[in-house]
Protein backbone atom coordinates (compact mmCIF):
# COMPACT_ATOMS: atom_id res chain seq x y z
CA UNK A 1 67.73 16.84 -15.57
CA UNK A 2 70.20 17.01 -13.10
CA UNK A 3 71.18 13.70 -11.14
CA UNK A 4 69.74 13.01 -7.12
CA UNK A 5 72.02 14.90 -4.59
CA UNK A 6 72.15 14.35 -1.06
CA UNK A 7 69.31 15.53 0.95
CA UNK A 8 69.91 14.96 5.19
CA UNK A 9 68.21 16.31 8.13
CA UNK A 10 70.48 17.47 10.92
CA UNK A 11 69.67 17.47 14.79
CA UNK A 12 70.16 21.77 15.75
CA UNK A 13 73.49 20.93 17.60
CA UNK A 14 75.23 20.08 14.22
CA UNK A 15 72.89 22.29 12.17
CA UNK A 16 74.60 24.98 13.78
CA UNK A 17 77.71 24.87 12.22
CA UNK A 18 77.28 23.34 9.42
CA UNK A 19 77.58 26.50 6.49
CA UNK A 20 81.25 26.80 8.71
CA UNK A 21 82.17 23.01 8.24
CA UNK A 22 80.72 23.41 4.48
CA UNK A 23 83.11 26.70 3.66
CA UNK A 24 86.06 25.41 5.41
CA UNK A 25 86.22 21.99 3.60
CA UNK A 26 85.40 23.93 -0.15
CA UNK A 27 88.17 26.91 0.61
CA UNK A 28 91.08 24.47 2.22
CA UNK A 29 92.90 23.93 -1.22
CA UNK A 30 91.79 27.20 -2.86
CA UNK A 31 94.81 29.98 -3.05
CA UNK A 32 94.18 33.07 -1.73
CA UNK A 33 90.23 32.94 -2.19
CA UNK A 34 87.99 35.70 -1.88
CA UNK A 35 84.28 35.42 -0.14
CA UNK A 36 81.11 36.90 0.20
CA UNK A 37 79.25 37.15 2.97
CA UNK A 38 76.19 38.37 1.76
CA UNK A 39 74.14 40.28 4.51
CA UNK A 40 76.85 39.72 6.72
CA UNK A 41 74.97 41.80 9.51
CA UNK A 42 77.48 43.15 12.68
CA UNK A 43 79.07 39.51 12.68
CA UNK A 44 78.97 37.39 9.74
CA UNK A 45 77.91 34.16 9.31
CA UNK A 46 80.40 32.52 9.01
CA UNK A 47 84.68 32.10 10.85
CA UNK A 48 86.44 32.00 8.12
CA UNK A 49 89.71 30.28 7.65
CA UNK A 50 92.92 32.93 8.08
CA UNK A 51 93.76 32.94 4.63
CA UNK A 52 90.58 34.19 3.23
CA UNK A 53 89.88 38.04 2.00
CA UNK A 54 86.08 38.36 3.00
CA UNK A 55 83.97 40.95 1.54
CA UNK A 56 80.53 42.00 3.77
CA UNK A 57 78.04 43.16 2.08
CA UNK A 58 74.97 44.70 4.34
CA UNK A 59 72.84 47.45 4.28
CA UNK A 60 72.57 48.80 7.54
CA UNK A 61 75.27 51.12 8.06
CA UNK A 62 74.90 50.17 12.04
CA UNK A 63 75.58 46.97 12.06
CA UNK A 64 78.41 47.58 9.14
CA UNK A 65 79.95 49.42 11.75
CA UNK A 66 80.35 47.16 14.43
CA UNK A 67 81.54 44.02 12.40
CA UNK A 68 85.57 43.55 12.54
CA UNK A 69 85.56 40.42 11.11
CA UNK A 70 85.56 41.23 7.33
CA UNK A 71 88.12 43.21 5.19
CA UNK A 72 85.99 45.22 3.03
CA UNK A 73 82.88 46.35 3.78
CA UNK A 74 80.08 47.22 1.25
CA UNK A 75 76.85 49.13 2.00
CA UNK A 76 74.05 48.21 -0.14
CA UNK A 77 70.88 46.10 -0.95
CA UNK A 78 72.03 42.65 -2.15
CA UNK A 79 68.97 42.65 -4.23
CA UNK A 80 70.06 45.66 -6.43
CA UNK A 81 74.18 46.56 -5.37
CA UNK A 82 75.95 45.92 -8.81
CA UNK A 83 78.14 42.88 -7.49
CA UNK A 84 81.16 42.77 -9.99
CA UNK A 85 80.81 39.59 -12.11
CA UNK A 86 83.10 36.29 -11.12
CA UNK A 87 85.04 37.72 -8.09
CA UNK A 88 84.55 35.17 -5.21
CA UNK A 89 85.18 31.88 -4.96
CA UNK A 90 82.64 31.58 -2.11
CA UNK A 91 79.43 33.13 -1.57
CA UNK A 92 77.64 32.40 1.86
CA UNK A 93 73.85 34.03 2.39
CA UNK A 94 72.75 32.77 5.77
CA UNK A 95 69.27 33.49 7.26
CA UNK A 96 68.80 36.81 4.51
CA UNK A 97 66.84 35.56 1.68
CA UNK A 98 63.44 35.19 4.07
CA UNK A 99 63.99 39.64 4.48
CA UNK A 100 63.98 39.94 0.82
CA UNK A 101 60.95 41.10 -0.85
CA UNK A 102 62.67 40.11 -4.06
CA UNK A 103 65.08 37.06 -3.53
CA UNK A 104 65.47 36.06 -6.97
CA UNK A 105 66.83 39.55 -8.14
CA UNK A 106 69.55 38.24 -5.09
CA UNK A 107 70.11 35.17 -6.77
CA UNK A 108 70.90 36.61 -9.46
CA UNK A 109 72.72 39.06 -8.41
CA UNK A 110 75.03 36.49 -6.37
CA UNK A 111 75.51 34.12 -9.05
CA UNK A 112 76.97 37.02 -11.58
CA UNK A 113 79.33 37.72 -9.02
CA UNK A 114 80.25 33.87 -8.16
CA UNK A 115 83.55 32.01 -10.31
CA UNK A 116 83.10 29.54 -12.45
CA UNK A 117 83.81 26.50 -9.83
CA UNK A 118 82.50 28.50 -7.18
CA UNK A 119 80.07 27.57 -4.63
CA UNK A 120 77.09 29.53 -2.86
CA UNK A 121 75.66 28.35 0.57
CA UNK A 122 72.32 29.37 1.30
CA UNK A 123 70.90 28.91 4.53
CA UNK A 124 67.04 29.98 5.35
CA UNK A 125 63.90 29.35 7.25
CA UNK A 126 61.33 26.80 5.52
CA UNK A 127 58.36 28.58 4.78
CA UNK A 128 56.06 25.54 4.74
CA UNK A 129 57.00 24.96 8.32
CA UNK A 130 55.08 26.09 11.32
CA UNK A 131 57.55 28.26 12.23
CA UNK A 132 57.71 29.73 9.41
CA UNK A 133 54.17 30.20 8.41
CA UNK A 134 53.70 31.87 11.87
CA UNK A 135 57.16 34.24 11.31
CA UNK A 136 54.85 35.21 7.70
CA UNK A 137 51.71 35.96 9.01
CA UNK A 138 52.37 37.58 12.30
CA UNK A 139 53.16 41.31 12.45
CA UNK A 140 56.69 42.98 12.88
CA UNK A 141 56.07 44.37 16.08
CA UNK A 142 55.28 40.75 17.55
CA UNK A 143 58.72 39.40 16.57
CA UNK A 144 60.62 42.86 17.85
CA UNK A 145 58.18 42.12 20.85
CA UNK A 146 59.46 38.43 21.17
CA UNK A 147 62.96 39.43 21.09
CA UNK A 148 62.99 41.96 23.59
CA UNK A 149 60.48 40.90 26.27
CA UNK A 150 61.03 36.61 26.54
CA UNK A 151 64.30 36.35 25.24
CA UNK A 152 65.83 39.35 26.55
CA UNK A 153 67.20 41.18 23.94
CA UNK A 154 67.02 45.09 24.99
CA UNK A 155 68.46 46.10 21.43
CA UNK A 156 65.81 44.06 19.11
CA UNK A 157 64.28 46.29 16.96
CA UNK A 158 66.57 49.07 16.92
CA UNK A 159 68.37 49.98 13.95
CA UNK A 160 71.04 47.17 12.85
CA UNK A 161 69.90 44.82 15.22
CA UNK A 162 67.03 41.86 14.47
CA UNK A 163 64.41 40.88 13.60
CA UNK A 164 64.14 42.70 10.55
CA UNK A 165 61.20 42.42 8.33
CA UNK A 166 60.26 39.76 7.39
CA UNK A 167 58.96 38.36 3.54
CA UNK A 168 59.50 34.55 3.12
CA UNK A 169 58.45 34.79 -0.36
CA UNK A 170 57.57 31.34 -1.74
CA UNK A 171 60.62 32.03 -4.40
CA UNK A 172 63.08 31.35 -1.88
CA UNK A 173 61.63 28.10 -0.51
CA UNK A 174 63.77 25.33 -1.46
CA UNK A 175 61.97 23.96 -4.54
CA UNK A 176 61.99 27.21 -6.23
CA UNK A 177 65.51 27.76 -5.76
CA UNK A 178 66.48 24.05 -6.82
CA UNK A 179 64.41 25.22 -9.94
CA UNK A 180 65.84 28.43 -9.61
CA UNK A 181 69.25 26.99 -10.24
CA UNK A 182 68.36 24.43 -12.74
CA UNK A 183 67.49 27.16 -14.73
CA UNK A 184 70.95 28.86 -14.25
CA UNK A 185 73.21 26.21 -14.88
CA UNK A 186 73.69 25.42 -11.44
CA UNK A 187 74.37 21.93 -9.47
CA UNK A 188 72.59 21.45 -6.56
CA UNK A 189 75.55 19.35 -4.09
CA UNK A 190 73.35 18.92 -0.97
CA UNK A 191 70.07 19.68 0.55
CA UNK A 192 70.16 20.09 4.34
CA UNK A 193 67.23 20.02 6.58
CA UNK A 194 67.09 21.55 10.59
CA UNK A 195 65.25 19.16 12.92
CA UNK A 196 62.58 21.58 13.90
CA UNK A 197 61.09 19.60 17.08
CA UNK A 198 62.55 22.23 19.25
CA UNK A 199 63.22 25.49 17.47
CA UNK A 200 66.03 27.88 18.64
CA UNK A 201 65.95 25.78 21.38
CA UNK A 202 62.84 27.20 23.19
CA UNK A 203 62.95 25.06 26.08
CA UNK A 204 65.87 26.72 27.63
CA UNK A 205 64.37 30.52 27.37
CA UNK A 206 60.87 28.77 28.52
CA UNK A 207 59.44 25.59 29.18
CA UNK A 208 55.35 26.94 28.78
CA UNK A 209 56.58 28.18 25.16
CA UNK A 210 58.08 25.44 24.49
CA UNK A 211 55.43 22.99 25.39
CA UNK A 212 52.56 25.72 23.13
CA UNK A 213 54.65 25.45 20.70
CA UNK A 214 54.97 21.39 20.61
CA UNK A 215 51.08 21.68 21.07
CA UNK A 216 50.66 23.80 18.38
CA UNK A 217 52.78 21.66 15.89
CA UNK A 218 50.63 18.67 16.79
CA UNK A 219 47.61 20.81 16.21
CA UNK A 220 48.70 21.75 12.82
CA UNK A 221 49.93 18.29 11.54
CA UNK A 222 46.08 16.76 12.76
CA UNK A 223 44.15 19.83 10.90
CA UNK A 224 46.59 20.05 7.49
CA UNK A 225 46.80 16.25 7.16
CA UNK A 226 50.26 16.40 7.37
CA UNK A 227 51.29 19.09 4.94
CA UNK A 228 53.08 20.98 7.67
CA UNK A 229 56.99 20.15 8.41
CA UNK A 230 58.90 20.19 11.47
CA UNK A 231 61.54 20.79 9.71
CA UNK A 232 62.16 24.27 10.22
CA UNK A 233 65.09 25.56 8.19
CA UNK A 234 67.35 24.51 4.96
CA UNK A 235 70.66 25.17 4.07
CA UNK A 236 71.35 24.54 0.01
CA UNK A 237 74.33 24.31 -0.94
CA UNK A 238 75.15 25.42 -5.23
CA UNK A 239 78.21 25.14 -7.08
CA UNK A 240 78.55 27.22 -10.67
CA UNK A 241 79.68 25.04 -13.02
CA UNK A 242 83.08 25.75 -14.52
CA UNK A 243 83.47 26.85 -18.26
CA UNK A 244 85.22 23.61 -18.91
CA UNK A 245 81.96 21.39 -18.02
C-alpha cells in the first residue's frame, strides 16, 4: 500500500498556476525533455520552459490550427490515439478527463506513453462538488448559453471552442484515479484541491450569480448532511516508477 501523500486545499489565486509550478520544477533538471499536453486545445494548459519540446494532442482540428505553442501537433482522441510507448518525461492533462466517456482508457494510453520516472499532472473538476453535479446533470446547451450570454463569450460552443460536452464519469474522481494509479504501479506524489467557495470568480461577472451560487451551496450542505464538497476541482501529481524501483 502506498504511503500517505500530500493533500492540500489551495485558494483560486494559487490554484491557477499550480500545474505550471509543478512542471517547471520537475523539468528544470531534465536535459531535452519531451512533454505531451493531452487535450492541449488552442493555447496549451501550461507554459513550458524554453528548453522543452512540446507535443500537443487534441481531437479538434480547429483548436489545433490556432495553437502556436506546440512544436508538434497530433490530431486524435486521447482515449484511442496510438501514442508511442515511453516517449514523454511529463504529461499534462488539464480539464480534459471530464469530457471523456471513457477516462480510464485515456489514463492507460497516457500511462504507457510516459517514461519510467516520468510525471503525470491531471487536473479536473470534482464530481462530488455542487459545481460538478450541476455540470454533469445539466444539458450541454445550458453550458453554452451560460458562457455566451452571461460570460459574454460569443464563440462559446462553436467548433474548437468550449464548452465541450461533459460526462464527468465516476471513474475520473480523485479516489478512482488514485486506485487506478496504485493498480498500475504508480505513485501519487500529491493531491491538491481548489477552494471552491467562489468558483470561476463568479462575483467578478455577476454579484447576483455569486449570491445564488452560495445560497445553493448552503442549501446543498444542509439537505445532504454535509456530503457535498466545496472543493470544486482537483490536481493529482502521479509518478511512474523507474525500472530500478
